[in-house]
Amino acid sequence: MAKKKETELLVCPACGSTDMRWLLGGKLGDQYKCTKCNYQGIAVKGGAKFAKELKKK
């Protein structure tokens, strides 16, 4: 039986929220804004488990 692959989410590196909104993009990559803590910058990709772990820290 094949494992179900976990969906990748954009995660805020500051607070662990998955509620990220795209701001702009360019040669250096995409920039996002977190609607929970107002962080602006790069977002990390990860699954729901990863986001939960970030929120704990």
PDB file of N, CA and C in Angstrom:
ATOM      1  N   MET A   1       0.831  -1.180   0.000  1.00  0.00           N
ATOM      2  CA  MET A   1       0.000   0.000   0.000  1.00  0.00           C
ATOM      3  C   MET A   1       0.881   1.250   0.000  1.00  0.00           C
ATOM      4  N   ALA A   2       0.620   2.172  -0.903  1.00  0.00           N
ATOM      5  CA  ALA A   2       1.429   3.385  -1.020  1.00  0.00           C
ATOM      6  C   ALA A   2       1.066   4.387   0.069  1.00  0.00           C
ATOM      7  N   LYS A   3       2.108   5.062   0.559  1.00  0.00           N
ATOM      8  CA  LYS A   3       1.877   6.103   1.561  1.00  0.00           C
ATOM      9  C   LYS A   3       1.267   7.331   0.898  1.00  0.00           C
ATOM     10  N   LYS A   4       0.332   7.948   1.594  1.00  0.00           N
ATOM     11  CA  LYS A   4      -0.255   9.185   1.097  1.00  0.00           C
ATOM     12  C   LYS A   4       0.717  10.326   1.395  1.00  0.00           C
ATOM     13  N   LYS A   5       1.076  11.073   0.363  1.00  0.00           N
ATOM     14  CA  LYS A   5       2.017  12.178   0.532  1.00  0.00           C
ATOM     15  C   LYS A   5       1.308  13.351   1.214  1.00  0.00           C
ATOM     16  N   GLU A   6       1.981  13.910   2.230  1.00  0.00           N
ATOM     17  CA  GLU A   6       1.424  15.047   2.952  1.00  0.00           C
ATOM     18  C   GLU A   6       1.464  16.301   2.075  1.00  0.00           C
ATOM     19  N   THR A   7       0.401  17.066   2.097  1.00  0.00           N
ATOM     20  CA  THR A   7       0.320  18.295   1.313  1.00  0.00           C
ATOM     21  C   THR A   7       1.299  19.325   1.858  1.00  0.00           C
ATOM     22  N   GLU A   8       2.046  19.958   0.960  1.00  0.00           N
ATOM     23  CA  GLU A   8       2.987  20.998   1.379  1.00  0.00           C
ATOM     24  C   GLU A   8       2.238  22.309   1.549  1.00  0.00           C
ATOM     25  N   LEU A   9       2.528  22.985   2.641  1.00  0.00           N
ATOM     26  CA  LEU A   9       1.918  24.273   2.949  1.00  0.00           C
ATOM     27  C   LEU A   9       3.006  25.325   3.064  1.00  0.00           C
ATOM     28  N   LEU A  10       2.635  26.581   2.899  1.00  0.00           N
ATOM     29  CA  LEU A  10       3.549  27.675   3.175  1.00  0.00           C
ATOM     30  C   LEU A  10       3.400  28.020   4.649  1.00  0.00           C
ATOM     31  N   VAL A  11       4.506  28.003   5.371  1.00  0.00           N
ATOM     32  CA  VAL A  11       4.491  28.192   6.819  1.00  0.00           C
ATOM     33  C   VAL A  11       5.304  29.435   7.190  1.00  0.00           C
ATOM     34  N   CYS A  12       4.766  30.243   8.095  1.00  0.00           N
ATOM     35  CA  CYS A  12       5.467  31.426   8.589  1.00  0.00           C
ATOM     36  C   CYS A  12       6.592  30.975   9.517  1.00  0.00           C
ATOM     37  N   PRO A  13       7.849  31.386   9.244  1.00  0.00           N
ATOM     38  CA  PRO A  13       8.955  30.977  10.111  1.00  0.00           C
ATOM     39  C   PRO A  13       8.939  31.671  11.476  1.00  0.00           C
ATOM     40  N   ALA A  14       8.178  32.743  11.614  1.00  0.00           N
ATOM     41  CA  ALA A  14       8.121  33.477  12.880  1.00  0.00           C
ATOM     42  C   ALA A  14       7.127  32.874  13.874  1.00  0.00           C
ATOM     43  N   CYS A  15       5.913  32.522  13.386  1.00  0.00           N
ATOM     44  CA  CYS A  15       4.881  32.058  14.318  1.00  0.00           C
ATOM     45  C   CYS A  15       4.315  30.678  14.000  1.00  0.00           C
ATOM     46  N   GLY A  16       4.654  30.115  12.841  1.00  0.00           N
ATOM     47  CA  GLY A  16       4.173  28.787  12.486  1.00  0.00           C
ATOM     48  C   GLY A  16       2.806  28.767  11.829  1.00  0.00           C
ATOM     49  N   SER A  17       2.232  29.918  11.549  1.00  0.00           N
ATOM     50  CA  SER A  17       0.920  29.991  10.908  1.00  0.00           C
ATOM     51  C   SER A  17       1.026  29.540   9.456  1.00  0.00           C
ATOM     52  N   THR A  18      -0.057  28.990   8.937  1.00  0.00           N
ATOM     53  CA  THR A  18      -0.097  28.605   7.529  1.00  0.00           C
ATOM     54  C   THR A  18      -0.939  29.598   6.722  1.00  0.00           C
ATOM     55  N   ASP A  19      -1.275  30.720   7.314  1.00  0.00           N
ATOM     56  CA  ASP A  19      -2.084  31.743   6.655  1.00  0.00           C
ATOM     57  C   ASP A  19      -1.178  32.812   6.059  1.00  0.00           C
ATOM     58  N   MET A  20      -0.489  32.444   4.985  1.00  0.00           N
ATOM     59  CA  MET A  20       0.463  33.331   4.319  1.00  0.00           C
ATOM     60  C   MET A  20      -0.149  33.858   3.023  1.00  0.00           C
ATOM     61  N   ARG A  21       0.088  35.132   2.745  1.00  0.00           N
ATOM     62  CA  ARG A  21      -0.394  35.772   1.524  1.00  0.00           C
ATOM     63  C   ARG A  21       0.793  36.250   0.708  1.00  0.00           C
ATOM     64  N   TRP A  22       0.718  36.030  -0.608  1.00  0.00           N
ATOM     65  CA  TRP A  22       1.790  36.426  -1.511  1.00  0.00           C
ATOM     66  C   TRP A  22       1.842  37.943  -1.623  1.00  0.00           C
ATOM     67  N   LEU A  23       3.050  38.521  -1.521  1.00  0.00           N
ATOM     68  CA  LEU A  23       3.236  39.968  -1.666  1.00  0.00           C
ATOM     69  C   LEU A  23       3.823  40.327  -3.019  1.00  0.00           C
ATOM     70  N   LEU A  24       4.983  39.749  -3.321  1.00  0.00           N
ATOM     71  CA  LEU A  24       5.662  40.051  -4.575  1.00  0.00           C
ATOM     72  C   LEU A  24       6.668  38.961  -4.889  1.00  0.00           C
ATOM     73  N   GLY A  25       7.154  38.978  -6.110  1.00  0.00           N
ATOM     74  CA  GLY A  25       8.151  37.994  -6.527  1.00  0.00           C
ATOM     75  C   GLY A  25       9.135  38.642  -7.485  1.00  0.00           C
ATOM     76  N   GLY A  26      10.237  37.996  -7.652  1.00  0.00           N
ATOM     77  CA  GLY A  26      11.262  38.528  -8.546  1.00  0.00           C
ATOM     78  C   GLY A  26      12.406  37.551  -8.660  1.00  0.00           C
ATOM     79  N   LYS A  27      13.565  38.044  -9.036  1.00  0.00           N
ATOM     80  CA  LYS A  27      14.734  37.192  -9.213  1.00  0.00           C
ATOM     81  C   LYS A  27      15.151  36.500  -7.921  1.00  0.00           C
ATOM     82  N   LEU A  28      14.928  37.155  -6.791  1.00  0.00           N
ATOM     83  CA  LEU A  28      15.358  36.589  -5.517  1.00  0.00           C
ATOM     84  C   LEU A  28      14.317  35.654  -4.896  1.00  0.00           C
ATOM     85  N   GLY A  29      13.171  35.534  -5.514  1.00  0.00           N
ATOM     86  CA  GLY A  29      12.147  34.632  -5.004  1.00  0.00           C
ATOM     87  C   GLY A  29      10.913  35.376  -4.526  1.00  0.00           C
ATOM     88  N   ASP A  30       9.926  34.616  -4.103  1.00  0.00           N
ATOM     89  CA  ASP A  30       8.669  35.185  -3.660  1.00  0.00           C
ATOM     90  C   ASP A  30       8.743  35.671  -2.214  1.00  0.00           C
ATOM     91  N   GLN A  31       8.022  36.733  -1.934  1.00  0.00           N
ATOM     92  CA  GLN A  31       7.912  37.296  -0.595  1.00  0.00           C
ATOM     93  C   GLN A  31       6.461  37.153  -0.153  1.00  0.00           C
ATOM     94  N   TYR A  32       6.260  36.817   1.113  1.00  0.00           N
ATOM     95  CA  TYR A  32       4.924  36.588   1.645  1.00  0.00           C
ATOM     96  C   TYR A  32       4.702  37.414   2.898  1.00  0.00           C
ATOM     97  N   LYS A  33       3.421  37.599   3.261  1.00  0.00           N
ATOM     98  CA  LYS A  33       3.064  38.278   4.499  1.00  0.00           C
ATOM     99  C   LYS A  33       2.165  37.341   5.306  1.00  0.00           C
ATOM    100  N   CYS A  34       2.478  37.188   6.597  1.00  0.00           N
ATOM    101  CA  CYS A  34       1.677  36.369   7.495  1.00  0.00           C
ATOM    102  C   CYS A  34       0.530  37.232   8.026  1.00  0.00           C
ATOM    103  N   THR A  35      -0.684  36.735   7.928  1.00  0.00           N
ATOM    104  CA  THR A  35      -1.833  37.505   8.401  1.00  0.00           C
ATOM    105  C   THR A  35      -2.002  37.419   9.916  1.00  0.00           C
ATOM    106  N   LYS A  36      -1.278  36.523  10.563  1.00  0.00           N
ATOM    107  CA  LYS A  36      -1.381  36.374  12.022  1.00  0.00           C
ATOM    108  C   LYS A  36      -0.409  37.287  12.769  1.00  0.00           C
ATOM    109  N   CYS A  37       0.860  37.332  12.340  1.00  0.00           N
ATOM    110  CA  CYS A  37       1.867  38.109  13.081  1.00  0.00           C
ATOM    111  C   CYS A  37       2.470  39.248  12.258  1.00  0.00           C
ATOM    112  N   ASN A  38       2.016  39.428  11.017  1.00  0.00           N
ATOM    113  CA  ASN A  38       2.489  40.482  10.105  1.00  0.00           C
ATOM    114  C   ASN A  38       3.947  40.338   9.671  1.00  0.00           C
ATOM    115  N   TYR A  39       4.529  39.147   9.829  1.00  0.00           N
ATOM    116  CA  TYR A  39       5.878  38.870   9.302  1.00  0.00           C
ATOM    117  C   TYR A  39       5.853  39.046   7.795  1.00  0.00           C
ATOM    118  N   GLN A  40       6.902  39.642   7.237  1.00  0.00           N
ATOM    119  CA  GLN A  40       7.052  39.770   5.796  1.00  0.00           C
ATOM    120  C   GLN A  40       8.402  39.227   5.394  1.00  0.00           C
ATOM    121  N   GLY A  41       8.405  38.308   4.436  1.00  0.00           N
ATOM    122  CA  GLY A  41       9.652  37.717   3.965  1.00  0.00           C
ATOM    123  C   GLY A  41       9.383  36.378   3.314  1.00  0.00           C
ATOM    124  N   ILE A  42      10.399  35.529   3.336  1.00  0.00           N
ATOM    125  CA  ILE A  42      10.248  34.215   2.722  1.00  0.00           C
ATOM    126  C   ILE A  42       9.380  33.324   3.610  1.00  0.00           C
ATOM    127  N   ALA A  43       8.749  32.361   2.998  1.00  0.00           N
ATOM    128  CA  ALA A  43       7.956  31.382   3.739  1.00  0.00           C
ATOM    129  C   ALA A  43       8.622  30.024   3.582  1.00  0.00           C
ATOM    130  N   VAL A  44       8.497  29.177   4.562  1.00  0.00           N
ATOM    131  CA  VAL A  44       9.063  27.836   4.499  1.00  0.00           C
ATOM    132  C   VAL A  44       7.965  26.888   4.031  1.00  0.00           C
ATOM    133  N   LYS A  45       8.354  25.857   3.302  1.00  0.00           N
ATOM    134  CA  LYS A  45       7.391  24.854   2.856  1.00  0.00           C
ATOM    135  C   LYS A  45       7.461  23.666   3.794  1.00  0.00           C
ATOM    136  N   GLY A  46       6.299  23.176   4.177  1.00  0.00           N
ATOM    137  CA  GLY A  46       6.245  22.022   5.058  1.00  0.00           C
ATOM    138  C   GLY A  46       4.817  21.532   5.197  1.00  0.00           C
ATOM    139  N   GLY A  47       4.677  20.417   5.858  1.00  0.00           N
ATOM    140  CA  GLY A  47       3.364  19.840   6.065  1.00  0.00           C
ATOM    141  C   GLY A  47       2.727  20.342   7.350  1.00  0.00           C
ATOM    142  N   ALA A  48       1.564  19.818   7.655  1.00  0.00           N
ATOM    143  CA  ALA A  48       0.819  20.222   8.851  1.00  0.00           C
ATOM    144  C   ALA A  48       1.596  19.900  10.127  1.00  0.00           C
ATOM    145  N   LYS A  49       2.296  18.761  10.153  1.00  0.00           N
ATOM    146  CA  LYS A  49       3.090  18.380  11.333  1.00  0.00           C
ATOM    147  C   LYS A  49       4.201  19.403  11.575  1.00  0.00           C
ATOM    148  N   PHE A  50       4.854  19.817  10.499  1.00  0.00           N
ATOM    149  CA  PHE A  50       5.931  20.804  10.583  1.00  0.00           C
ATOM    150  C   PHE A  50       5.403  22.128  11.139  1.00  0.00           C
ATOM    151  N   ALA A  51       4.256  22.574  10.657  1.00  0.00           N
ATOM    152  CA  ALA A  51       3.651  23.828  11.122  1.00  0.00           C
ATOM    153  C   ALA A  51       3.311  23.746  12.606  1.00  0.00           C
ATOM    154  N   LYS A  52       2.801  22.599  13.041  1.00  0.00           N
ATOM    155  CA  LYS A  52       2.468  22.406  14.463  1.00  0.00           C
ATOM    156  C   LYS A  52       3.704  22.511  15.336  1.00  0.00           C
ATOM    157  N   GLU A  53       4.816  21.909  14.902  1.00  0.00           N
ATOM    158  CA  GLU A  53       6.058  21.956  15.645  1.00  0.00           C
ATOM    159  C   GLU A  53       6.592  23.384  15.753  1.00  0.00           C
ATOM    160  N   LEU A  54       6.483  24.160  14.675  1.00  0.00           N
ATOM    161  CA  LEU A  54       6.927  25.550  14.693  1.00  0.00           C
ATOM    162  C   LEU A  54       6.088  26.378  15.669  1.00  0.00           C
ATOM    163  N   LYS A  55       4.795  26.121  15.716  1.00  0.00           N
ATOM    164  CA  LYS A  55       3.913  26.858  16.628  1.00  0.00           C
ATOM    165  C   LYS A  55       4.266  26.595  18.083  1.00  0.00           C
ATOM    166  N   LYS A  56       4.726  25.375  18.384  1.00  0.00           N
ATOM    167  CA  LYS A  56       5.096  25.025  19.755  1.00  0.00           C
ATOM    168  C   LYS A  56       6.304  25.822  20.217  1.00  0.00           C
ATOM    169  N   LYS A  57       7.228  26.124  19.300  1.00  0.00           N
ATOM    170  CA  LYS A  57       8.487  26.803  19.660  1.00  0.00           C
ATOM    171  C   LYS A  57       8.317  28.244  19.692  1.00  0.00           C
TER     172      LYS A  57
END
